[in-house]
Structure formats: structure tokens, C-alpha cells
Amino acid sequence: ENVIPKLINNESVICVSQTGTGKTLTFALPISELVKRIEDEEGLGQRKSQPYAVIVAPTKELAMQIHAVFKSISHHVKLRVRTLISTTKSKASLKNQSYEILIATPTKLARAIKKEEVVMSQLKFLVFDEADNLFEMGFKKDIENILYPVKYDNTDIHFFSATMPLEVEDYLNKKFERKSLNKV
């Protein structure tokens, strides 16, 4: 109720909500809608390995759960969804594919960006799910490497989490002071 309108209006958010409240759908639905709008205006994306949306999850299990949610939505709106996790068979295969949405773990994504297997040049939406865990599990360097090529003026950045320790929130507000993160 509070978050979806902000995402539709291209406002970056920090969303803190209990486990089981539907946070994944809260970002999956509006991002799918917004990506579909881009596709309707510009046509089917043909750029290889350049997603419009990237969702970063701390574990491959969570990434697979998010992928399942996006696949259930994307089936209806005809969006292509890919994952980049430790069980991905051919890392280079993403380089030769066109897709709109990528769900990845931080280390895999940071490496793929460095090797130019994933290019962030047309990125519009970047979501960090379980943001508190991403920082507590030691992914800060990977997150910095993921953020390095992101054009902040063209990209909405969202953080979703069940908890948000004060030190993580302070870091996010300092790092993204230009983005005007709305806490919901």
C-alpha cells in the first residue's frame, strides 16, 4: 500500500517489513509493470546482457525464490528473467542473451560485471533484498563493485529487509544521499 506507489513513481525506497509480509511481490509487481512499459515504448530489448532490472539477494536460495515470483509474473507480461547464482551452469551464457530482469547473488554479479558479462548501461531498477544480511554477511566490497557502473540519475535503487540496523541505514543514507531514499 505504501511502497508500490513510490516504486511506480520512480522513488527509491528503504522498505523494512516483517518476514512473510509480501516484500518480494511489493517490488516484483511494480518493476515488472515498469519494465513492460519501457518495452512497450522502445520495443523488445535486443541488447545482450544488459538488464533493465537487477535484484541482488544474499543467498542462492533466496535468489531462486525471487526468480520463481518473477517467473510467475513475467509469464503474463512476457518478460525474460534470468538468474546468476553459484549453480548457474554457463557463466558466459548470460553474455549472449537478451533479458530484462536479472536476479543474482552479490559475488557472482560483481564478477560478471567486472568481466563485462553483465553490463549495467541500461539499468533502471536495482533492488537489494535482505539488505541487512547483505552487509552483515560481508558483501560490502561486492556491493561497491556492483554500484560502481550504475548511473544514479537513471536508476531507482531499493533496499528491502525485515530489519534495518542503524549502522546499515546510516551507511545507505550517506552512500545514496543524492537518491533521496524514502524509508517505508
N, C-alpha and C. Protein backbone atom coordinates (compact mmCIF):
# COMPACT_ATOMS: atom_id res chain seq x y z
N GLU A 1 0.82 -1.20 0.00
CA GLU A 1 0.00 0.00 0.00
C GLU A 1 0.86 1.26 0.00
N ASN A 2 1.94 1.25 0.77
CA ASN A 2 2.81 2.43 0.83
C ASN A 2 3.95 2.39 -0.18
N VAL A 3 4.45 1.19 -0.47
CA VAL A 3 5.67 1.07 -1.26
C VAL A 3 5.40 1.04 -2.76
N ILE A 4 4.41 0.29 -3.21
CA ILE A 4 4.17 0.14 -4.65
C ILE A 4 3.98 1.50 -5.34
N PRO A 5 3.16 2.41 -4.80
CA PRO A 5 3.03 3.72 -5.48
C PRO A 5 4.37 4.47 -5.60
N LYS A 6 5.23 4.35 -4.60
CA LYS A 6 6.54 5.01 -4.67
C LYS A 6 7.39 4.41 -5.77
N LEU A 7 7.39 3.08 -5.90
CA LEU A 7 8.16 2.45 -6.95
C LEU A 7 7.61 2.81 -8.33
N ILE A 8 6.30 2.83 -8.48
CA ILE A 8 5.68 3.21 -9.76
C ILE A 8 6.03 4.65 -10.12
N ASN A 9 6.19 5.51 -9.10
CA ASN A 9 6.55 6.92 -9.33
C ASN A 9 8.05 7.15 -9.36
N ASN A 10 8.81 6.07 -9.50
CA ASN A 10 10.28 6.13 -9.62
C ASN A 10 10.95 6.80 -8.42
N GLU A 11 10.47 6.47 -7.22
CA GLU A 11 11.11 6.93 -6.00
C GLU A 11 11.90 5.77 -5.41
N SER A 12 13.14 6.01 -5.03
CA SER A 12 13.95 4.98 -4.38
C SER A 12 13.50 4.83 -2.93
N VAL A 13 13.50 3.58 -2.43
CA VAL A 13 12.98 3.34 -1.09
C VAL A 13 13.87 2.41 -0.27
N ILE A 14 13.74 2.56 1.04
CA ILE A 14 14.19 1.57 2.00
C ILE A 14 12.92 1.04 2.63
N CYS A 15 12.63 -0.22 2.42
CA CYS A 15 11.41 -0.84 2.94
C CYS A 15 11.78 -1.84 4.03
N VAL A 16 11.30 -1.59 5.23
CA VAL A 16 11.52 -2.50 6.35
C VAL A 16 10.17 -3.07 6.73
N SER A 17 10.05 -4.39 6.61
CA SER A 17 8.79 -5.06 6.90
C SER A 17 9.08 -6.48 7.33
N GLN A 18 8.24 -7.00 8.22
CA GLN A 18 8.44 -8.33 8.78
C GLN A 18 8.49 -9.40 7.68
N THR A 19 9.16 -10.49 8.00
CA THR A 19 9.19 -11.65 7.11
C THR A 19 7.77 -12.15 6.89
N GLY A 20 7.47 -12.50 5.65
CA GLY A 20 6.15 -13.05 5.33
C GLY A 20 5.09 -12.02 4.99
N THR A 21 5.49 -10.76 4.83
CA THR A 21 4.50 -9.71 4.55
C THR A 21 4.36 -9.41 3.06
N GLY A 22 5.12 -10.09 2.22
CA GLY A 22 4.98 -9.90 0.77
C GLY A 22 5.93 -8.89 0.17
N LYS A 23 7.13 -8.75 0.76
CA LYS A 23 8.10 -7.78 0.24
C LYS A 23 8.50 -8.09 -1.21
N THR A 24 8.66 -9.37 -1.53
CA THR A 24 9.08 -9.72 -2.89
C THR A 24 8.05 -9.26 -3.92
N LEU A 25 6.79 -9.53 -3.67
CA LEU A 25 5.74 -9.06 -4.59
C LEU A 25 5.69 -7.54 -4.63
N THR A 26 6.02 -6.90 -3.51
CA THR A 26 5.98 -5.44 -3.43
C THR A 26 6.95 -4.80 -4.41
N PHE A 27 8.08 -5.45 -4.67
CA PHE A 27 8.97 -4.89 -5.71
C PHE A 27 8.81 -5.59 -7.04
N ALA A 28 8.42 -6.85 -7.06
CA ALA A 28 8.30 -7.59 -8.33
C ALA A 28 7.17 -7.06 -9.20
N LEU A 29 6.03 -6.78 -8.62
CA LEU A 29 4.89 -6.29 -9.41
C LEU A 29 5.17 -4.94 -10.07
N PRO A 30 5.56 -3.91 -9.32
CA PRO A 30 5.79 -2.63 -9.99
C PRO A 30 6.98 -2.65 -10.96
N ILE A 31 8.03 -3.38 -10.62
CA ILE A 31 9.17 -3.44 -11.54
C ILE A 31 8.77 -4.14 -12.84
N SER A 32 8.00 -5.21 -12.74
CA SER A 32 7.52 -5.89 -13.95
C SER A 32 6.67 -4.94 -14.78
N GLU A 33 5.81 -4.19 -14.13
CA GLU A 33 4.96 -3.21 -14.84
C GLU A 33 5.81 -2.13 -15.52
N LEU A 34 6.78 -1.59 -14.80
CA LEU A 34 7.60 -0.52 -15.35
C LEU A 34 8.50 -1.01 -16.49
N VAL A 35 9.03 -2.21 -16.36
CA VAL A 35 9.85 -2.77 -17.43
C VAL A 35 8.99 -3.03 -18.66
N LYS A 36 7.78 -3.51 -18.45
CA LYS A 36 6.86 -3.73 -19.57
C LYS A 36 6.54 -2.41 -20.27
N ARG A 37 6.37 -1.34 -19.51
CA ARG A 37 6.13 -0.02 -20.12
C ARG A 37 7.31 0.40 -21.00
N ILE A 38 8.52 0.19 -20.51
CA ILE A 38 9.71 0.51 -21.31
C ILE A 38 9.70 -0.29 -22.60
N GLU A 39 9.41 -1.57 -22.46
CA GLU A 39 9.37 -2.45 -23.63
C GLU A 39 8.28 -2.03 -24.61
N ASP A 40 7.13 -1.62 -24.10
CA ASP A 40 6.05 -1.17 -24.97
C ASP A 40 6.44 0.09 -25.75
N GLU A 41 7.20 0.97 -25.10
CA GLU A 41 7.64 2.21 -25.75
C GLU A 41 8.80 1.99 -26.72
N GLU A 42 9.76 1.16 -26.30
CA GLU A 42 11.00 1.02 -27.07
C GLU A 42 11.08 -0.27 -27.88
N GLY A 43 10.14 -1.17 -27.68
CA GLY A 43 10.21 -2.47 -28.34
C GLY A 43 10.99 -3.47 -27.50
N LEU A 44 10.96 -4.71 -27.93
CA LEU A 44 11.63 -5.80 -27.22
C LEU A 44 13.13 -5.55 -27.17
N GLY A 45 13.70 -5.58 -25.97
CA GLY A 45 15.12 -5.33 -25.80
C GLY A 45 15.97 -6.37 -26.50
N GLN A 46 16.88 -5.93 -27.34
CA GLN A 46 17.76 -6.85 -28.06
C GLN A 46 19.21 -6.75 -27.60
N ARG A 47 19.49 -5.82 -26.71
CA ARG A 47 20.85 -5.67 -26.23
C ARG A 47 21.24 -6.88 -25.40
N LYS A 48 22.33 -7.47 -25.71
CA LYS A 48 22.80 -8.66 -24.99
C LYS A 48 23.35 -8.28 -23.62
N SER A 49 22.97 -9.04 -22.63
CA SER A 49 23.47 -8.94 -21.25
C SER A 49 23.34 -7.56 -20.62
N GLN A 50 22.25 -6.83 -20.97
CA GLN A 50 22.00 -5.51 -20.41
C GLN A 50 20.59 -5.44 -19.83
N PRO A 51 20.43 -5.88 -18.58
CA PRO A 51 19.09 -5.88 -17.99
C PRO A 51 18.58 -4.49 -17.64
N TYR A 52 17.25 -4.38 -17.58
CA TYR A 52 16.62 -3.16 -17.08
C TYR A 52 16.52 -3.20 -15.56
N ALA A 53 16.39 -4.41 -15.00
CA ALA A 53 16.25 -4.56 -13.55
C ALA A 53 17.20 -5.64 -13.05
N VAL A 54 17.84 -5.36 -11.91
CA VAL A 54 18.71 -6.33 -11.25
C VAL A 54 18.28 -6.42 -9.79
N ILE A 55 18.07 -7.65 -9.34
CA ILE A 55 17.73 -7.89 -7.94
C ILE A 55 18.87 -8.67 -7.32
N VAL A 56 19.43 -8.17 -6.22
CA VAL A 56 20.56 -8.79 -5.55
C VAL A 56 20.05 -9.41 -4.25
N ALA A 57 20.35 -10.70 -4.08
CA ALA A 57 19.95 -11.44 -2.87
C ALA A 57 21.19 -12.07 -2.24
N PRO A 58 21.25 -12.16 -0.91
CA PRO A 58 22.46 -12.66 -0.26
C PRO A 58 22.72 -14.16 -0.44
N THR A 59 21.69 -14.95 -0.75
CA THR A 59 21.89 -16.39 -0.89
C THR A 59 21.25 -16.90 -2.18
N LYS A 60 21.76 -18.01 -2.68
CA LYS A 60 21.19 -18.58 -3.91
C LYS A 60 19.77 -19.08 -3.67
N GLU A 61 19.47 -19.54 -2.45
CA GLU A 61 18.12 -20.00 -2.14
C GLU A 61 17.12 -18.86 -2.24
N LEU A 62 17.47 -17.71 -1.69
CA LEU A 62 16.58 -16.55 -1.79
C LEU A 62 16.49 -16.09 -3.24
N ALA A 63 17.59 -16.10 -3.95
CA ALA A 63 17.57 -15.70 -5.37
C ALA A 63 16.62 -16.61 -6.15
N MET A 64 16.61 -17.88 -5.88
CA MET A 64 15.72 -18.81 -6.58
C MET A 64 14.26 -18.55 -6.21
N GLN A 65 14.00 -18.19 -4.94
CA GLN A 65 12.63 -17.85 -4.54
C GLN A 65 12.16 -16.59 -5.27
N ILE A 66 13.02 -15.60 -5.36
CA ILE A 66 12.67 -14.36 -6.06
C ILE A 66 12.45 -14.65 -7.54
N HIS A 67 13.30 -15.49 -8.10
CA HIS A 67 13.17 -15.88 -9.51
C HIS A 67 11.81 -16.51 -9.76
N ALA A 68 11.38 -17.38 -8.86
CA ALA A 68 10.08 -18.04 -9.02
C ALA A 68 8.94 -17.02 -9.02
N VAL A 69 9.03 -16.02 -8.15
CA VAL A 69 8.00 -14.97 -8.10
C VAL A 69 8.00 -14.19 -9.41
N PHE A 70 9.16 -13.77 -9.87
CA PHE A 70 9.24 -13.02 -11.13
C PHE A 70 8.78 -13.87 -12.31
N LYS A 71 9.12 -15.14 -12.33
CA LYS A 71 8.69 -16.00 -13.44
C LYS A 71 7.17 -16.13 -13.46
N SER A 72 6.54 -16.20 -12.30
CA SER A 72 5.08 -16.32 -12.27
C SER A 72 4.41 -15.06 -12.81
N ILE A 73 5.05 -13.91 -12.61
CA ILE A 73 4.53 -12.65 -13.14
C ILE A 73 4.93 -12.48 -14.61
N SER A 74 6.19 -12.74 -14.89
CA SER A 74 6.73 -12.47 -16.23
C SER A 74 6.07 -13.32 -17.30
N HIS A 75 5.56 -14.46 -16.92
CA HIS A 75 4.84 -15.32 -17.86
C HIS A 75 3.67 -14.56 -18.49
N HIS A 76 3.00 -13.74 -17.70
CA HIS A 76 1.83 -13.00 -18.16
C HIS A 76 2.19 -11.75 -18.97
N VAL A 77 3.32 -11.15 -18.66
CA VAL A 77 3.71 -9.91 -19.35
C VAL A 77 4.85 -10.13 -20.34
N LYS A 78 5.25 -11.37 -20.50
CA LYS A 78 6.26 -11.76 -21.49
C LYS A 78 7.61 -11.06 -21.27
N LEU A 79 8.10 -11.10 -20.04
CA LEU A 79 9.42 -10.59 -19.73
C LEU A 79 10.38 -11.75 -19.54
N ARG A 80 11.63 -11.53 -19.91
CA ARG A 80 12.65 -12.58 -19.77
C ARG A 80 13.41 -12.35 -18.46
N VAL A 81 13.44 -13.41 -17.64
CA VAL A 81 14.06 -13.35 -16.32
C VAL A 81 15.18 -14.38 -16.26
N ARG A 82 16.35 -13.97 -15.78
CA ARG A 82 17.49 -14.88 -15.66
C ARG A 82 18.04 -14.81 -14.24
N THR A 83 18.80 -15.84 -13.87
CA THR A 83 19.48 -15.85 -12.57
C THR A 83 20.98 -15.98 -12.80
N LEU A 84 21.73 -15.46 -11.85
CA LEU A 84 23.18 -15.60 -11.83
C LEU A 84 23.56 -15.94 -10.40
N ILE A 85 23.68 -17.25 -10.18
CA ILE A 85 23.99 -17.77 -8.84
C ILE A 85 25.04 -18.86 -9.00
N SER A 86 25.50 -19.40 -7.90
CA SER A 86 26.60 -20.37 -7.95
C SER A 86 26.26 -21.64 -8.73
N THR A 87 24.99 -21.94 -8.93
CA THR A 87 24.63 -23.15 -9.68
C THR A 87 24.40 -22.86 -11.17
N THR A 88 24.58 -21.59 -11.58
CA THR A 88 24.42 -21.27 -13.00
C THR A 88 25.49 -22.03 -13.78
N LYS A 89 25.06 -22.85 -14.73
CA LYS A 89 25.97 -23.75 -15.43
C LYS A 89 27.00 -23.01 -16.28
N SER A 90 26.56 -22.14 -17.15
CA SER A 90 27.48 -21.45 -18.05
C SER A 90 27.44 -19.96 -17.76
N LYS A 91 28.47 -19.47 -17.08
CA LYS A 91 28.52 -18.06 -16.73
C LYS A 91 28.52 -17.18 -17.98
N ALA A 92 29.22 -17.61 -19.01
CA ALA A 92 29.32 -16.81 -20.23
C ALA A 92 28.01 -16.77 -21.00
N SER A 93 27.09 -17.70 -20.72
CA SER A 93 25.85 -17.74 -21.48
C SER A 93 25.02 -16.47 -21.32
N LEU A 94 25.10 -15.81 -20.18
CA LEU A 94 24.37 -14.56 -19.99
C LEU A 94 24.87 -13.47 -20.94
N LYS A 95 26.15 -13.54 -21.29
CA LYS A 95 26.72 -12.53 -22.16
C LYS A 95 26.08 -12.54 -23.55
N ASN A 96 25.57 -13.67 -23.94
CA ASN A 96 25.00 -13.80 -25.28
C ASN A 96 23.48 -13.83 -25.28
N GLN A 97 22.87 -13.44 -24.18
CA GLN A 97 21.41 -13.47 -24.08
C GLN A 97 20.84 -12.07 -23.89
N SER A 98 19.63 -11.90 -24.37
CA SER A 98 18.86 -10.69 -24.09
C SER A 98 17.85 -11.04 -23.00
N TYR A 99 17.74 -10.22 -22.00
CA TYR A 99 16.79 -10.43 -20.92
C TYR A 99 16.54 -9.09 -20.25
N GLU A 100 15.39 -8.98 -19.59
CA GLU A 100 15.03 -7.72 -18.95
C GLU A 100 15.36 -7.69 -17.46
N ILE A 101 15.24 -8.84 -16.79
CA ILE A 101 15.38 -8.90 -15.34
C ILE A 101 16.42 -9.95 -14.97
N LEU A 102 17.35 -9.57 -14.09
CA LEU A 102 18.39 -10.48 -13.61
C LEU A 102 18.33 -10.54 -12.10
N ILE A 103 18.32 -11.77 -11.57
CA ILE A 103 18.37 -11.98 -10.12
C ILE A 103 19.69 -12.67 -9.84
N ALA A 104 20.47 -12.09 -8.91
CA ALA A 104 21.83 -12.59 -8.71
C ALA A 104 22.27 -12.49 -7.26
N THR A 105 23.27 -13.30 -6.94
CA THR A 105 23.95 -13.15 -5.66
C THR A 105 25.08 -12.14 -5.85
N PRO A 106 25.50 -11.45 -4.79
CA PRO A 106 26.43 -10.33 -4.94
C PRO A 106 27.78 -10.69 -5.55
N THR A 107 28.39 -11.76 -5.10
CA THR A 107 29.72 -12.11 -5.60
C THR A 107 29.66 -12.48 -7.07
N LYS A 108 28.69 -13.28 -7.47
CA LYS A 108 28.54 -13.66 -8.87
C LYS A 108 28.30 -12.43 -9.75
N LEU A 109 27.45 -11.53 -9.29
CA LEU A 109 27.14 -10.34 -10.07
C LEU A 109 28.37 -9.43 -10.18
N ALA A 110 29.07 -9.21 -9.09
CA ALA A 110 30.26 -8.35 -9.11
C ALA A 110 31.29 -8.91 -10.09
N ARG A 111 31.50 -10.22 -10.08
CA ARG A 111 32.45 -10.84 -11.03
C ARG A 111 31.97 -10.70 -12.47
N ALA A 112 30.68 -10.91 -12.69
CA ALA A 112 30.14 -10.81 -14.05
C ALA A 112 30.25 -9.38 -14.59
N ILE A 113 30.05 -8.40 -13.73
CA ILE A 113 30.20 -7.00 -14.14
C ILE A 113 31.66 -6.72 -14.50
N LYS A 114 32.57 -7.19 -13.65
CA LYS A 114 34.00 -6.98 -13.90
C LYS A 114 34.42 -7.60 -15.23
N LYS A 115 33.88 -8.78 -15.55
CA LYS A 115 34.23 -9.47 -16.80
C LYS A 115 33.39 -9.00 -17.99
N GLU A 116 32.52 -8.02 -17.74
CA GLU A 116 31.62 -7.47 -18.75
C GLU A 116 30.66 -8.52 -19.32
N GLU A 117 30.31 -9.50 -18.50
CA GLU A 117 29.29 -10.49 -18.86
C GLU A 117 27.90 -9.94 -18.57
N VAL A 118 27.83 -8.96 -17.66
CA VAL A 118 26.61 -8.21 -17.37
C VAL A 118 27.00 -6.74 -17.45
N VAL A 119 26.22 -5.98 -18.22
CA VAL A 119 26.51 -4.56 -18.43
C VAL A 119 25.34 -3.77 -17.85
N MET A 120 25.65 -2.76 -17.06
CA MET A 120 24.61 -2.01 -16.35
C MET A 120 24.20 -0.72 -17.07
N SER A 121 24.51 -0.57 -18.34
CA SER A 121 24.30 0.69 -19.05
C SER A 121 22.83 1.07 -19.24
N GLN A 122 21.92 0.10 -19.30
CA GLN A 122 20.51 0.47 -19.45
C GLN A 122 19.70 0.14 -18.20
N LEU A 123 20.40 -0.06 -17.08
CA LEU A 123 19.75 -0.39 -15.81
C LEU A 123 18.83 0.73 -15.36
N LYS A 124 17.60 0.36 -14.99
CA LYS A 124 16.61 1.32 -14.49
C LYS A 124 16.23 1.04 -13.04
N PHE A 125 16.36 -0.23 -12.61
CA PHE A 125 15.90 -0.63 -11.27
C PHE A 125 16.92 -1.58 -10.65
N LEU A 126 17.37 -1.23 -9.44
CA LEU A 126 18.32 -2.06 -8.71
C LEU A 126 17.75 -2.29 -7.32
N VAL A 127 17.54 -3.56 -6.98
CA VAL A 127 16.94 -3.92 -5.69
C VAL A 127 17.93 -4.76 -4.90
N PHE A 128 18.10 -4.42 -3.65
CA PHE A 128 18.88 -5.23 -2.72
C PHE A 128 17.89 -5.83 -1.73
N ASP A 129 17.67 -7.15 -1.84
CA ASP A 129 16.74 -7.82 -0.94
C ASP A 129 17.52 -8.37 0.25
N GLU A 130 16.88 -8.37 1.42
CA GLU A 130 17.53 -8.70 2.68
C GLU A 130 18.79 -7.86 2.83
N ALA A 131 18.62 -6.56 2.65
CA ALA A 131 19.74 -5.62 2.67
C ALA A 131 20.58 -5.73 3.94
N ASP A 132 19.93 -5.94 5.08
CA ASP A 132 20.69 -6.07 6.32
C ASP A 132 21.65 -7.24 6.25
N ASN A 133 21.20 -8.38 5.71
CA ASN A 133 22.06 -9.56 5.58
C ASN A 133 23.19 -9.34 4.59
N LEU A 134 22.94 -8.59 3.53
CA LEU A 134 23.99 -8.32 2.55
C LEU A 134 25.19 -7.65 3.22
N PHE A 135 24.93 -6.73 4.14
CA PHE A 135 26.01 -6.03 4.80
C PHE A 135 26.60 -6.85 5.94
N GLU A 136 25.78 -7.59 6.65
CA GLU A 136 26.26 -8.40 7.77
C GLU A 136 27.04 -9.63 7.29
N MET A 137 26.78 -10.09 6.08
CA MET A 137 27.45 -11.29 5.56
C MET A 137 28.74 -10.95 4.82
N GLY A 138 29.17 -9.72 4.88
CA GLY A 138 30.46 -9.34 4.32
C GLY A 138 30.47 -9.09 2.82
N PHE A 139 29.35 -8.67 2.26
CA PHE A 139 29.28 -8.41 0.82
C PHE A 139 29.52 -6.94 0.47
N LYS A 140 29.99 -6.14 1.41
CA LYS A 140 30.12 -4.70 1.17
C LYS A 140 31.01 -4.40 -0.05
N LYS A 141 32.13 -5.10 -0.20
CA LYS A 141 33.02 -4.88 -1.34
C LYS A 141 32.32 -5.25 -2.64
N ASP A 142 31.61 -6.38 -2.66
CA ASP A 142 30.86 -6.78 -3.85
C ASP A 142 29.80 -5.74 -4.19
N ILE A 143 29.12 -5.22 -3.18
CA ILE A 143 28.09 -4.20 -3.41
C ILE A 143 28.72 -2.95 -4.01
N GLU A 144 29.86 -2.55 -3.51
CA GLU A 144 30.56 -1.39 -4.08
C GLU A 144 30.90 -1.65 -5.55
N ASN A 145 31.34 -2.86 -5.88
CA ASN A 145 31.68 -3.19 -7.27
C ASN A 145 30.43 -3.25 -8.15
N ILE A 146 29.31 -3.65 -7.58
CA ILE A 146 28.04 -3.66 -8.33
C ILE A 146 27.60 -2.23 -8.60
N LEU A 147 27.75 -1.37 -7.61
CA LEU A 147 27.28 0.02 -7.73
C LEU A 147 28.18 0.88 -8.61
N TYR A 148 29.44 0.51 -8.75
CA TYR A 148 30.39 1.35 -9.47
C TYR A 148 29.89 1.76 -10.87
N PRO A 149 29.39 0.85 -11.71
CA PRO A 149 28.97 1.28 -13.06
C PRO A 149 27.54 1.82 -13.14
N VAL A 150 26.82 1.87 -12.02
CA VAL A 150 25.42 2.29 -12.03
C VAL A 150 25.33 3.81 -12.21
N LYS A 151 24.50 4.23 -13.14
CA LYS A 151 24.23 5.66 -13.36
C LYS A 151 23.07 6.04 -12.43
N TYR A 152 23.40 6.70 -11.32
CA TYR A 152 22.41 7.00 -10.29
C TYR A 152 21.24 7.84 -10.80
N ASP A 153 21.50 8.73 -11.73
CA ASP A 153 20.42 9.59 -12.22
C ASP A 153 19.37 8.82 -13.01
N ASN A 154 19.74 7.68 -13.57
CA ASN A 154 18.82 6.89 -14.40
C ASN A 154 18.28 5.65 -13.71
N THR A 155 18.71 5.39 -12.48
CA THR A 155 18.39 4.13 -11.82
C THR A 155 17.71 4.36 -10.48
N ASP A 156 16.57 3.69 -10.28
CA ASP A 156 15.93 3.67 -8.96
C ASP A 156 16.60 2.57 -8.16
N ILE A 157 16.96 2.88 -6.91
CA ILE A 157 17.66 1.91 -6.07
C ILE A 157 16.80 1.66 -4.84
N HIS A 158 16.55 0.38 -4.57
CA HIS A 158 15.65 -0.01 -3.49
C HIS A 158 16.32 -1.01 -2.55
N PHE A 159 16.00 -0.88 -1.27
CA PHE A 159 16.50 -1.79 -0.25
C PHE A 159 15.31 -2.36 0.51
N PHE A 160 15.22 -3.68 0.53
CA PHE A 160 14.14 -4.37 1.24
C PHE A 160 14.74 -5.25 2.31
N SER A 161 14.12 -5.25 3.49
CA SER A 161 14.68 -6.01 4.59
C SER A 161 13.64 -6.19 5.70
N ALA A 162 13.82 -7.24 6.47
CA ALA A 162 12.96 -7.45 7.64
C ALA A 162 13.43 -6.60 8.81
N THR A 163 14.73 -6.35 8.86
CA THR A 163 15.30 -5.48 9.90
C THR A 163 16.27 -4.52 9.23
N MET A 164 16.53 -3.42 9.89
CA MET A 164 17.48 -2.45 9.35
C MET A 164 18.28 -1.85 10.51
N PRO A 165 19.44 -2.47 10.81
CA PRO A 165 20.28 -1.92 11.87
C PRO A 165 20.65 -0.47 11.57
N LEU A 166 20.78 0.33 12.59
CA LEU A 166 21.05 1.75 12.44
C LEU A 166 22.31 2.01 11.63
N GLU A 167 23.36 1.22 11.84
CA GLU A 167 24.61 1.45 11.11
C GLU A 167 24.44 1.18 9.61
N VAL A 168 23.60 0.22 9.24
CA VAL A 168 23.33 -0.05 7.82
C VAL A 168 22.51 1.10 7.23
N GLU A 169 21.50 1.54 7.95
CA GLU A 169 20.68 2.65 7.48
C GLU A 169 21.52 3.92 7.31
N ASP A 170 22.40 4.19 8.28
CA ASP A 170 23.29 5.36 8.18
C ASP A 170 24.18 5.26 6.95
N TYR A 171 24.74 4.08 6.71
CA TYR A 171 25.59 3.86 5.53
C TYR A 171 24.79 4.13 4.25
N LEU A 172 23.59 3.58 4.16
CA LEU A 172 22.77 3.74 2.96
C LEU A 172 22.42 5.21 2.72
N ASN A 173 22.05 5.90 3.79
CA ASN A 173 21.70 7.32 3.63
C ASN A 173 22.90 8.16 3.21
N LYS A 174 24.09 7.84 3.70
CA LYS A 174 25.29 8.57 3.29
C LYS A 174 25.67 8.21 1.86
N LYS A 175 25.66 6.92 1.54
CA LYS A 175 26.06 6.45 0.22
C LYS A 175 25.11 6.96 -0.87
N PHE A 176 23.84 7.03 -0.55
CA PHE A 176 22.83 7.37 -1.54
C PHE A 176 22.13 8.69 -1.24
N GLU A 177 22.86 9.64 -0.67
CA GLU A 177 22.24 10.91 -0.31
C GLU A 177 21.64 11.63 -1.52
N ARG A 178 22.21 11.40 -2.71
CA ARG A 178 21.66 12.01 -3.93
C ARG A 178 20.35 11.37 -4.37
N LYS A 179 20.07 10.15 -3.88
CA LYS A 179 18.88 9.42 -4.33
C LYS A 179 17.64 9.73 -3.51
N SER A 180 17.74 10.41 -2.42
CA SER A 180 16.60 10.69 -1.56
C SER A 180 15.82 9.41 -1.25
N LEU A 181 16.45 8.53 -0.50
CA LEU A 181 15.80 7.28 -0.14
C LEU A 181 14.64 7.54 0.81
N ASN A 182 13.48 7.01 0.46
CA ASN A 182 12.28 7.14 1.29
C ASN A 182 12.16 5.89 2.14
N LYS A 183 12.18 6.06 3.46
CA LYS A 183 12.01 4.90 4.34
C LYS A 183 10.52 4.63 4.54
N VAL A 184 10.13 3.39 4.26
CA VAL A 184 8.73 2.99 4.39
C VAL A 184 8.64 1.79 5.30
